[in-house]
C-alpha cells in the first residue's frame, strides 16, 4: 500500500532534517539536532492537543526545517540582529515546507495553514499556533535549558525562564513538571515561576 501524503511529507521533512551536522543528546540518544527537535515537537503537541490536525503536526515536524543552513553568525550581534535572523528563519522554514507539501500533493489552503503556524501568525489568538508555541517552549526547556544554565549567570537565567513561561499557556506550564531535567534546573524554574 502506498504511503499517504502525510506520511510522505513526514519522511521528506525527516530526511531534510537528518542532514543536520549538529547533534544533540536527548533521552540518552545522540541524534541530528533538528531531527530530534522535530520529533519532540510532535510528541509535545500530541500531549497538548491530542486532536491536532495534520497541518499542526506538519508544522510541528517542520518548525525548524534545515535551521542550520542559515547560521546565527550570518547576522549582526545583538538583539536586533537576533530578531532579524529569527524572522528570516521563519520565512525560510515556511518556504521550504511549502515545497515539500506541494511535492506530495497538498492543497494550497493546507500549505498556507502550515506556513502560518510555522511563522507563528495569530499567536495569542489562534489555539493551533499557541499549541505550537507551547511545544516549542517545552522542547527548549527539555533540550537547551541545561546548557544555558551552565553558560549564563543566575539573574540572566531567571529572566530567560520568565520570558519563556510568559509565552506558554497554563496547560503547557503544567507539563513542565513532566520534563526530564536536573534537579538544580527544576529548582531554578521553581524560583523563576515562584
N, C-alpha and C. Protein backbone atom coordinates (compact mmCIF):
# COMPACT_ATOMS: atom_id res chain seq x y z
N UNK A 1 0.84 -1.18 0.00
CA UNK A 1 0.00 0.00 0.00
C UNK A 1 0.89 1.25 0.00
N UNK A 2 0.54 2.21 -0.80
CA UNK A 2 1.32 3.44 -0.92
C UNK A 2 1.15 4.29 0.34
N UNK A 3 2.22 4.98 0.70
CA UNK A 3 2.18 5.87 1.86
C UNK A 3 1.26 7.05 1.57
N UNK A 4 0.57 7.51 2.60
CA UNK A 4 -0.29 8.68 2.45
C UNK A 4 0.58 9.91 2.21
N UNK A 5 -0.03 10.98 1.74
CA UNK A 5 0.75 12.20 1.52
C UNK A 5 1.28 12.74 2.85
N UNK A 6 0.54 12.55 3.94
CA UNK A 6 1.03 12.96 5.25
C UNK A 6 2.32 12.20 5.59
N UNK A 7 2.28 10.88 5.42
CA UNK A 7 3.47 10.06 5.70
C UNK A 7 4.63 10.45 4.79
N UNK A 8 4.33 10.70 3.52
CA UNK A 8 5.37 11.12 2.58
C UNK A 8 5.99 12.46 3.01
N UNK A 9 5.15 13.37 3.46
CA UNK A 9 5.65 14.67 3.90
C UNK A 9 6.54 14.52 5.13
N UNK A 10 6.12 13.71 6.09
CA UNK A 10 6.91 13.50 7.30
C UNK A 10 8.27 12.90 6.94
N UNK A 11 8.27 11.91 6.06
CA UNK A 11 9.54 11.30 5.65
C UNK A 11 10.44 12.33 4.99
N UNK A 12 9.89 13.16 4.11
CA UNK A 12 10.69 14.17 3.42
C UNK A 12 11.25 15.21 4.39
N UNK A 13 10.45 15.62 5.36
CA UNK A 13 10.92 16.57 6.38
C UNK A 13 12.03 15.93 7.20
N UNK A 14 11.82 14.67 7.60
CA UNK A 14 12.83 13.99 8.41
C UNK A 14 14.13 13.78 7.64
N UNK A 15 14.03 13.44 6.36
CA UNK A 15 15.23 13.28 5.54
C UNK A 15 16.00 14.59 5.47
N UNK A 16 15.28 15.70 5.28
CA UNK A 16 15.94 17.01 5.25
C UNK A 16 16.61 17.32 6.58
N UNK A 17 15.93 17.07 7.68
CA UNK A 17 16.50 17.38 8.99
C UNK A 17 17.59 16.41 9.42
N UNK A 18 17.60 15.22 8.85
CA UNK A 18 18.65 14.24 9.18
C UNK A 18 20.02 14.70 8.71
N UNK A 19 20.07 15.66 7.80
CA UNK A 19 21.34 16.20 7.31
C UNK A 19 21.97 17.21 8.27
N UNK A 20 21.31 17.51 9.36
CA UNK A 20 21.83 18.50 10.31
C UNK A 20 23.21 18.04 10.81
N UNK A 21 24.24 18.86 10.59
CA UNK A 21 25.57 18.49 11.08
C UNK A 21 25.71 18.61 12.60
N UNK A 22 24.77 19.31 13.23
CA UNK A 22 24.78 19.47 14.69
C UNK A 22 24.04 18.31 15.32
N UNK A 23 24.58 17.80 16.42
CA UNK A 23 23.91 16.71 17.11
C UNK A 23 23.55 17.14 18.52
N UNK A 24 22.63 16.40 19.09
CA UNK A 24 22.18 16.66 20.45
C UNK A 24 21.83 15.32 21.10
N UNK A 25 22.11 15.21 22.38
CA UNK A 25 21.70 14.01 23.10
C UNK A 25 20.37 14.29 23.77
N UNK A 26 19.39 13.48 23.43
CA UNK A 26 18.05 13.61 24.01
C UNK A 26 17.62 12.25 24.50
N UNK A 27 17.33 12.17 25.79
CA UNK A 27 16.85 10.94 26.41
C UNK A 27 17.79 9.77 26.11
N UNK A 28 19.08 10.06 26.20
CA UNK A 28 20.09 9.02 26.07
C UNK A 28 20.52 8.68 24.65
N UNK A 29 19.96 9.36 23.65
CA UNK A 29 20.33 9.08 22.26
C UNK A 29 20.89 10.33 21.60
N UNK A 30 22.01 10.18 20.90
CA UNK A 30 22.59 11.28 20.14
C UNK A 30 21.98 11.25 18.75
N UNK A 31 21.43 12.39 18.34
CA UNK A 31 20.72 12.47 17.06
C UNK A 31 21.03 13.79 16.38
N UNK A 32 20.78 13.89 15.06
CA UNK A 32 20.85 15.21 14.42
C UNK A 32 19.89 16.15 15.17
N UNK A 33 20.36 17.34 15.51
CA UNK A 33 19.61 18.23 16.40
C UNK A 33 18.20 18.53 15.92
N UNK A 34 18.06 18.99 14.67
CA UNK A 34 16.72 19.40 14.23
C UNK A 34 15.79 18.20 14.02
N UNK A 35 16.34 17.04 13.72
CA UNK A 35 15.51 15.83 13.64
C UNK A 35 14.95 15.49 15.02
N UNK A 36 15.83 15.52 16.02
CA UNK A 36 15.38 15.24 17.40
C UNK A 36 14.36 16.28 17.86
N UNK A 37 14.62 17.56 17.59
CA UNK A 37 13.68 18.61 17.98
C UNK A 37 12.33 18.43 17.30
N UNK A 38 12.34 18.05 16.02
CA UNK A 38 11.09 17.86 15.28
C UNK A 38 10.26 16.73 15.90
N UNK A 39 10.91 15.65 16.25
CA UNK A 39 10.20 14.52 16.87
C UNK A 39 9.62 14.93 18.23
N UNK A 40 10.41 15.66 19.01
CA UNK A 40 9.91 16.13 20.31
C UNK A 40 8.75 17.10 20.15
N UNK A 41 8.83 17.96 19.14
CA UNK A 41 7.73 18.91 18.89
C UNK A 41 6.42 18.17 18.71
N UNK A 42 6.43 17.13 17.90
CA UNK A 42 5.20 16.36 17.64
C UNK A 42 4.75 15.65 18.92
N UNK A 43 5.70 15.11 19.67
CA UNK A 43 5.36 14.43 20.92
C UNK A 43 4.67 15.39 21.88
N UNK A 44 5.24 16.59 22.06
CA UNK A 44 4.63 17.56 22.98
C UNK A 44 3.31 18.09 22.43
N UNK A 45 3.23 18.30 21.12
CA UNK A 45 1.97 18.74 20.53
C UNK A 45 0.87 17.72 20.80
N UNK A 46 1.18 16.44 20.64
CA UNK A 46 0.18 15.40 20.88
C UNK A 46 -0.29 15.39 22.33
N UNK A 47 0.58 15.73 23.26
CA UNK A 47 0.16 15.81 24.66
C UNK A 47 -0.68 17.05 24.91
N UNK A 48 -0.31 18.16 24.26
CA UNK A 48 -1.03 19.41 24.45
C UNK A 48 -2.38 19.42 23.74
N UNK A 49 -2.42 18.81 22.56
CA UNK A 49 -3.63 18.83 21.73
C UNK A 49 -3.78 17.50 21.01
N UNK A 50 -4.33 16.49 21.69
CA UNK A 50 -4.46 15.17 21.07
C UNK A 50 -5.29 15.19 19.78
N UNK A 51 -6.09 16.21 19.59
CA UNK A 51 -6.92 16.32 18.38
C UNK A 51 -6.28 17.22 17.32
N UNK A 52 -4.98 17.51 17.46
CA UNK A 52 -4.30 18.37 16.48
C UNK A 52 -4.48 17.78 15.08
N UNK A 53 -4.71 18.67 14.12
CA UNK A 53 -4.91 18.20 12.74
C UNK A 53 -3.57 18.02 12.03
N UNK A 54 -3.64 17.53 10.79
CA UNK A 54 -2.42 17.28 10.03
C UNK A 54 -1.59 18.55 9.84
N UNK A 55 -2.23 19.69 9.63
CA UNK A 55 -1.48 20.93 9.44
C UNK A 55 -0.66 21.25 10.68
N UNK A 56 -1.23 21.08 11.86
CA UNK A 56 -0.49 21.33 13.09
C UNK A 56 0.68 20.38 13.23
N UNK A 57 0.45 19.10 12.93
CA UNK A 57 1.52 18.10 13.06
C UNK A 57 2.63 18.33 12.04
N UNK A 58 2.25 18.72 10.82
CA UNK A 58 3.26 19.01 9.80
C UNK A 58 4.07 20.24 10.19
N UNK A 59 3.41 21.26 10.71
CA UNK A 59 4.11 22.47 11.15
C UNK A 59 5.06 22.14 12.30
N UNK A 60 4.62 21.30 13.22
CA UNK A 60 5.48 20.91 14.34
C UNK A 60 6.71 20.17 13.83
N UNK A 61 6.53 19.29 12.88
CA UNK A 61 7.65 18.50 12.36
C UNK A 61 8.62 19.38 11.58
N UNK A 62 8.11 20.43 10.95
CA UNK A 62 8.93 21.28 10.07
C UNK A 62 9.28 22.63 10.70
N UNK A 63 9.02 22.80 11.98
CA UNK A 63 9.16 24.12 12.60
C UNK A 63 10.55 24.72 12.44
N UNK A 64 11.60 23.91 12.44
CA UNK A 64 12.97 24.39 12.26
C UNK A 64 13.63 23.65 11.09
N UNK A 65 12.90 23.46 10.04
CA UNK A 65 13.37 22.70 8.87
C UNK A 65 14.69 23.28 8.36
N UNK A 66 15.72 22.47 8.41
CA UNK A 66 17.07 22.83 7.92
C UNK A 66 17.58 24.15 8.53
N UNK A 67 17.33 24.32 9.81
CA UNK A 67 17.68 25.57 10.50
C UNK A 67 19.17 25.91 10.39
N UNK A 68 19.99 24.90 10.42
CA UNK A 68 21.44 25.13 10.38
C UNK A 68 21.91 25.81 9.10
N UNK A 69 21.09 25.77 8.06
CA UNK A 69 21.51 26.33 6.77
C UNK A 69 21.52 27.87 6.76
N UNK A 70 20.98 28.47 7.81
CA UNK A 70 21.02 29.93 7.96
C UNK A 70 21.61 30.23 9.34
N UNK A 71 22.93 30.24 9.44
CA UNK A 71 23.58 30.36 10.76
C UNK A 71 23.32 31.71 11.42
N UNK A 72 23.25 31.69 12.72
CA UNK A 72 23.09 32.93 13.50
C UNK A 72 24.22 33.90 13.19
N UNK A 73 25.42 33.38 12.95
CA UNK A 73 26.59 34.22 12.69
C UNK A 73 26.48 35.02 11.39
N UNK A 74 25.50 34.68 10.55
CA UNK A 74 25.33 35.43 9.30
C UNK A 74 24.56 36.74 9.51
N UNK A 75 24.19 37.01 10.75
CA UNK A 75 23.50 38.25 11.11
C UNK A 75 24.30 38.97 12.19
N UNK A 76 24.13 40.28 12.31
CA UNK A 76 24.91 41.04 13.30
C UNK A 76 24.63 40.59 14.74
N UNK A 77 25.60 40.81 15.61
CA UNK A 77 25.43 40.52 17.03
C UNK A 77 24.33 41.43 17.60
N UNK A 78 23.87 41.08 18.77
CA UNK A 78 22.90 41.91 19.47
C UNK A 78 21.46 41.49 19.18
N UNK A 79 20.56 42.10 19.93
CA UNK A 79 19.15 41.74 19.86
C UNK A 79 18.54 42.02 18.48
N UNK A 80 18.87 43.14 17.86
CA UNK A 80 18.32 43.47 16.54
C UNK A 80 18.74 42.43 15.51
N UNK A 81 20.01 42.05 15.53
CA UNK A 81 20.49 41.02 14.60
C UNK A 81 19.83 39.68 14.86
N UNK A 82 19.64 39.36 16.14
CA UNK A 82 18.97 38.11 16.52
C UNK A 82 17.53 38.09 16.00
N UNK A 83 16.82 39.18 16.17
CA UNK A 83 15.43 39.24 15.72
C UNK A 83 15.33 39.15 14.19
N UNK A 84 16.25 39.79 13.48
CA UNK A 84 16.27 39.68 12.01
C UNK A 84 16.52 38.24 11.59
N UNK A 85 17.45 37.57 12.27
CA UNK A 85 17.75 36.17 11.98
C UNK A 85 16.52 35.30 12.21
N UNK A 86 15.84 35.48 13.33
CA UNK A 86 14.65 34.67 13.64
C UNK A 86 13.55 34.89 12.60
N UNK A 87 13.36 36.13 12.17
CA UNK A 87 12.36 36.43 11.15
C UNK A 87 12.72 35.74 9.83
N UNK A 88 13.99 35.82 9.46
CA UNK A 88 14.44 35.17 8.22
C UNK A 88 14.29 33.66 8.32
N UNK A 89 14.57 33.09 9.48
CA UNK A 89 14.39 31.64 9.67
C UNK A 89 12.94 31.22 9.48
N UNK A 90 12.02 31.94 10.11
CA UNK A 90 10.60 31.57 9.98
C UNK A 90 10.17 31.62 8.52
N UNK A 91 10.63 32.61 7.80
CA UNK A 91 10.31 32.72 6.37
C UNK A 91 10.90 31.54 5.60
N UNK A 92 12.17 31.23 5.88
CA UNK A 92 12.82 30.11 5.20
C UNK A 92 12.13 28.79 5.50
N UNK A 93 11.81 28.54 6.77
CA UNK A 93 11.15 27.29 7.14
C UNK A 93 9.81 27.16 6.43
N UNK A 94 9.06 28.25 6.38
CA UNK A 94 7.75 28.24 5.72
C UNK A 94 7.88 27.96 4.23
N UNK A 95 8.86 28.57 3.58
CA UNK A 95 9.06 28.34 2.14
C UNK A 95 9.49 26.90 1.87
N UNK A 96 10.41 26.39 2.67
CA UNK A 96 10.91 25.03 2.43
C UNK A 96 9.84 23.98 2.69
N UNK A 97 9.03 24.15 3.74
CA UNK A 97 7.99 23.16 3.99
C UNK A 97 6.92 23.23 2.90
N UNK A 98 6.66 24.42 2.36
CA UNK A 98 5.69 24.54 1.26
C UNK A 98 6.14 23.71 0.06
N UNK A 99 7.43 23.74 -0.25
CA UNK A 99 7.94 22.95 -1.36
C UNK A 99 7.73 21.46 -1.15
N UNK A 100 7.97 20.99 0.06
CA UNK A 100 7.75 19.57 0.37
C UNK A 100 6.28 19.22 0.25
N UNK A 101 5.42 20.06 0.82
CA UNK A 101 3.99 19.76 0.81
C UNK A 101 3.40 19.81 -0.59
N UNK A 102 3.86 20.74 -1.41
CA UNK A 102 3.41 20.79 -2.81
C UNK A 102 3.81 19.51 -3.53
N UNK A 103 5.03 19.08 -3.29
CA UNK A 103 5.55 17.89 -3.98
C UNK A 103 4.75 16.63 -3.68
N UNK A 104 4.22 16.52 -2.45
CA UNK A 104 3.45 15.31 -2.11
C UNK A 104 1.95 15.49 -2.33
N UNK A 105 1.54 16.66 -2.84
CA UNK A 105 0.15 16.81 -3.26
C UNK A 105 -0.79 17.54 -2.34
N UNK A 106 -0.27 18.29 -1.37
CA UNK A 106 -1.17 19.06 -0.51
C UNK A 106 -1.74 20.26 -1.25
N UNK A 107 -2.96 20.64 -0.87
CA UNK A 107 -3.64 21.78 -1.48
C UNK A 107 -3.12 23.09 -0.88
N UNK A 108 -3.41 24.17 -1.58
CA UNK A 108 -2.93 25.48 -1.18
C UNK A 108 -3.38 25.92 0.19
N UNK A 109 -4.62 25.59 0.57
CA UNK A 109 -5.12 26.01 1.88
C UNK A 109 -4.35 25.33 3.02
N UNK A 110 -4.09 24.03 2.87
CA UNK A 110 -3.34 23.31 3.90
C UNK A 110 -1.92 23.85 3.99
N UNK A 111 -1.30 24.08 2.85
CA UNK A 111 0.07 24.61 2.83
C UNK A 111 0.11 25.97 3.50
N UNK A 112 -0.86 26.82 3.18
CA UNK A 112 -0.91 28.15 3.80
C UNK A 112 -1.08 28.05 5.31
N UNK A 113 -1.89 27.11 5.77
CA UNK A 113 -2.10 26.93 7.21
C UNK A 113 -0.81 26.46 7.88
N UNK A 114 -0.12 25.51 7.29
CA UNK A 114 1.14 25.04 7.86
C UNK A 114 2.14 26.20 7.93
N UNK A 115 2.22 26.97 6.86
CA UNK A 115 3.14 28.11 6.84
C UNK A 115 2.78 29.13 7.91
N UNK A 116 1.50 29.40 8.09
CA UNK A 116 1.07 30.37 9.10
C UNK A 116 1.48 29.90 10.50
N UNK A 117 1.34 28.61 10.77
CA UNK A 117 1.73 28.08 12.09
C UNK A 117 3.24 28.19 12.26
N UNK A 118 3.99 27.81 11.24
CA UNK A 118 5.46 27.89 11.32
C UNK A 118 5.91 29.33 11.55
N UNK A 119 5.22 30.28 10.92
CA UNK A 119 5.57 31.70 11.09
C UNK A 119 4.97 32.29 12.37
N UNK A 120 4.19 31.50 13.09
CA UNK A 120 3.55 31.89 14.35
C UNK A 120 2.56 33.03 14.14
N UNK A 121 1.89 33.05 13.01
CA UNK A 121 0.87 34.07 12.75
C UNK A 121 -0.36 33.76 13.59
N UNK A 122 -0.85 34.72 14.30
CA UNK A 122 -2.02 34.52 15.15
C UNK A 122 -1.68 34.07 16.55
N UNK A 123 -0.40 34.16 16.92
CA UNK A 123 -0.02 33.79 18.27
C UNK A 123 -0.78 34.67 19.25
N UNK A 124 -1.41 34.06 20.21
CA UNK A 124 -2.22 34.79 21.17
C UNK A 124 -3.70 34.73 20.87
N UNK A 125 -4.05 34.43 19.61
CA UNK A 125 -5.47 34.35 19.25
C UNK A 125 -5.83 33.04 18.57
N UNK A 126 -4.87 32.31 18.04
CA UNK A 126 -5.11 31.06 17.32
C UNK A 126 -4.65 29.89 18.21
N UNK A 127 -5.58 29.05 18.67
CA UNK A 127 -5.20 27.95 19.55
C UNK A 127 -4.17 26.99 18.94
N UNK A 128 -4.23 26.77 17.63
CA UNK A 128 -3.26 25.90 16.97
C UNK A 128 -1.86 26.48 17.02
N UNK A 129 -1.75 27.78 16.84
CA UNK A 129 -0.45 28.45 16.90
C UNK A 129 0.05 28.47 18.34
N UNK A 130 -0.85 28.65 19.30
CA UNK A 130 -0.44 28.63 20.71
C UNK A 130 0.07 27.25 21.10
N UNK A 131 -0.60 26.19 20.65
CA UNK A 131 -0.12 24.83 20.94
C UNK A 131 1.27 24.62 20.35
N UNK A 132 1.50 25.18 19.16
CA UNK A 132 2.82 25.11 18.52
C UNK A 132 3.87 25.82 19.38
N UNK A 133 3.55 27.02 19.83
CA UNK A 133 4.47 27.78 20.68
C UNK A 133 4.72 27.05 21.99
N UNK A 134 3.67 26.47 22.57
CA UNK A 134 3.83 25.71 23.81
C UNK A 134 4.79 24.54 23.61
N UNK A 135 4.62 23.81 22.51
CA UNK A 135 5.51 22.68 22.23
C UNK A 135 6.94 23.17 22.05
N UNK A 136 7.12 24.28 21.34
CA UNK A 136 8.46 24.85 21.16
C UNK A 136 9.11 25.16 22.50
N UNK A 137 8.35 25.76 23.40
CA UNK A 137 8.89 26.12 24.70
C UNK A 137 9.26 24.87 25.51
N UNK A 138 8.44 23.84 25.44
CA UNK A 138 8.74 22.60 26.15
C UNK A 138 9.99 21.93 25.59
N UNK A 139 10.14 21.94 24.27
CA UNK A 139 11.35 21.38 23.66
C UNK A 139 12.57 22.19 24.09
N UNK A 140 12.45 23.50 24.10
CA UNK A 140 13.55 24.36 24.56
C UNK A 140 13.95 24.01 25.99
N UNK A 141 12.97 23.94 26.87
CA UNK A 141 13.27 23.65 28.27
C UNK A 141 13.89 22.27 28.43
N UNK A 142 13.41 21.30 27.66
CA UNK A 142 13.94 19.94 27.78
C UNK A 142 15.35 19.81 27.21
N UNK A 143 15.63 20.47 26.10
CA UNK A 143 16.88 20.19 25.39
C UNK A 143 17.94 21.28 25.48
N UNK A 144 17.57 22.50 25.88
CA UNK A 144 18.55 23.57 25.84
C UNK A 144 18.75 24.30 27.17
N UNK A 145 17.86 24.09 28.11
CA UNK A 145 17.95 24.80 29.38
C UNK A 145 19.26 24.50 30.10
N UNK A 146 19.63 23.24 30.21
CA UNK A 146 20.82 22.86 30.98
C UNK A 146 22.07 23.54 30.44
N UNK A 147 22.23 23.59 29.12
CA UNK A 147 23.41 24.24 28.54
C UNK A 147 23.42 25.73 28.84
N UNK A 148 22.25 26.35 28.80
CA UNK A 148 22.18 27.78 29.10
C UNK A 148 22.51 28.05 30.57
N UNK A 149 22.00 27.19 31.44
CA UNK A 149 22.28 27.34 32.88
C UNK A 149 23.78 27.30 33.12
N UNK A 150 24.46 26.43 32.38
CA UNK A 150 25.91 26.30 32.55
C UNK A 150 26.66 27.51 31.98
N UNK A 151 26.03 28.26 31.06
CA UNK A 151 26.70 29.38 30.39
C UNK A 151 26.33 30.76 30.95
N UNK A 152 25.14 30.89 31.53
CA UNK A 152 24.66 32.21 31.95
C UNK A 152 24.61 32.32 33.47
N UNK A 153 24.67 33.55 33.95
CA UNK A 153 24.56 33.74 35.40
C UNK A 153 23.11 33.56 35.85
N UNK A 154 22.96 33.43 37.14
CA UNK A 154 21.66 33.13 37.75
C UNK A 154 20.59 34.16 37.38
N UNK A 155 20.92 35.44 37.45
CA UNK A 155 19.95 36.50 37.15
C UNK A 155 19.45 36.40 35.72
N UNK A 156 20.37 36.19 34.79
CA UNK A 156 20.00 36.08 33.37
C UNK A 156 19.15 34.84 33.13
N UNK A 157 19.47 33.74 33.79
CA UNK A 157 18.69 32.52 33.61
C UNK A 157 17.27 32.68 34.13
N UNK A 158 17.13 33.34 35.25
CA UNK A 158 15.78 33.58 35.78
C UNK A 158 14.97 34.39 34.77
N UNK A 159 15.60 35.36 34.14
CA UNK A 159 14.94 36.18 33.12
C UNK A 159 14.54 35.33 31.91
N UNK A 160 15.44 34.46 31.44
CA UNK A 160 15.14 33.58 30.29
C UNK A 160 13.93 32.69 30.61
N UNK A 161 13.92 32.13 31.80
CA UNK A 161 12.82 31.23 32.17
C UNK A 161 11.51 32.00 32.28
N UNK A 162 11.54 33.19 32.87
CA UNK A 162 10.33 34.00 32.98
C UNK A 162 9.79 34.37 31.60
N UNK A 163 10.69 34.75 30.68
CA UNK A 163 10.25 35.11 29.32
C UNK A 163 9.68 33.90 28.59
N UNK A 164 10.27 32.73 28.79
CA UNK A 164 9.76 31.51 28.17
C UNK A 164 8.37 31.19 28.73
N UNK A 165 8.23 31.24 30.04
CA UNK A 165 6.95 30.93 30.67
C UNK A 165 5.86 31.89 30.25
N UNK A 166 6.21 33.15 30.00
CA UNK A 166 5.22 34.15 29.59
C UNK A 166 4.61 33.82 28.23
N UNK A 167 5.31 33.04 27.42
CA UNK A 167 4.81 32.67 26.10
C UNK A 167 3.93 31.42 26.14
N UNK A 168 3.88 30.77 27.30
CA UNK A 168 3.21 29.46 27.40
C UNK A 168 1.81 29.57 27.99
N UNK A 169 0.94 28.65 27.55
CA UNK A 169 -0.40 28.54 28.13
C UNK A 169 -0.31 27.83 29.48
N UNK A 170 -1.38 27.92 30.26
CA UNK A 170 -1.40 27.24 31.55
C UNK A 170 -1.26 25.72 31.41
N UNK A 171 -1.95 25.08 30.44
CA UNK A 171 -1.75 23.63 30.29
C UNK A 171 -0.30 23.26 29.96
N UNK A 172 0.38 24.07 29.17
CA UNK A 172 1.78 23.80 28.85
C UNK A 172 2.66 23.98 30.08
N UNK A 173 2.39 25.03 30.86
CA UNK A 173 3.17 25.23 32.08
C UNK A 173 3.00 24.05 33.03
N UNK A 174 1.82 23.45 33.06
CA UNK A 174 1.59 22.29 33.92
C UNK A 174 2.44 21.09 33.48
N UNK A 175 2.78 21.01 32.19
CA UNK A 175 3.59 19.90 31.68
C UNK A 175 5.07 20.05 31.99
N UNK A 176 5.49 21.22 32.43
CA UNK A 176 6.90 21.43 32.77
C UNK A 176 7.34 20.43 33.83
N UNK A 177 6.44 20.07 34.72
CA UNK A 177 6.77 19.10 35.77
C UNK A 177 7.14 17.74 35.20
N UNK A 178 6.70 17.43 33.99
CA UNK A 178 6.99 16.13 33.36
C UNK A 178 8.31 16.11 32.58
N UNK A 179 8.96 17.26 32.47
CA UNK A 179 10.20 17.33 31.70
C UNK A 179 11.34 16.61 32.41
N UNK A 180 12.11 15.81 31.67
CA UNK A 180 13.31 15.23 32.28
C UNK A 180 14.38 16.31 32.39
N UNK A 181 14.88 16.55 33.60
CA UNK A 181 15.91 17.57 33.79
C UNK A 181 16.60 17.37 35.13
N UNK A 182 17.72 18.06 35.27
CA UNK A 182 18.47 18.02 36.53
C UNK A 182 17.62 18.69 37.62
N UNK A 183 17.77 18.20 38.82
CA UNK A 183 17.01 18.78 39.94
C UNK A 183 17.37 20.25 40.15
N UNK A 184 18.62 20.61 39.93
CA UNK A 184 19.02 22.01 40.08
C UNK A 184 18.30 22.90 39.07
N UNK A 185 18.09 22.38 37.84
CA UNK A 185 17.37 23.15 36.83
C UNK A 185 15.89 23.26 37.19
N UNK A 186 15.34 22.19 37.73
CA UNK A 186 13.94 22.20 38.18
C UNK A 186 13.77 23.24 39.29
N UNK A 187 14.73 23.29 40.21
CA UNK A 187 14.67 24.27 41.30
C UNK A 187 14.76 25.70 40.75
N UNK A 188 15.60 25.89 39.73
CA UNK A 188 15.72 27.22 39.12
C UNK A 188 14.40 27.63 38.48
N UNK A 189 13.74 26.71 37.79
CA UNK A 189 12.43 27.01 37.20
C UNK A 189 11.45 27.36 38.31
N UNK A 190 11.48 26.61 39.39
CA UNK A 190 10.59 26.90 40.52
C UNK A 190 10.81 28.30 41.07
N UNK A 191 12.06 28.71 41.17
CA UNK A 191 12.38 30.06 41.65
C UNK A 191 11.88 31.11 40.66
N UNK A 192 12.07 30.85 39.39
CA UNK A 192 11.66 31.83 38.37
C UNK A 192 10.16 32.00 38.33
N UNK A 193 9.43 30.90 38.50
CA UNK A 193 7.99 30.93 38.39
C UNK A 193 7.29 31.13 39.72
N UNK A 194 8.07 31.00 40.82
CA UNK A 194 7.54 31.05 42.17
C UNK A 194 6.65 32.19 42.44
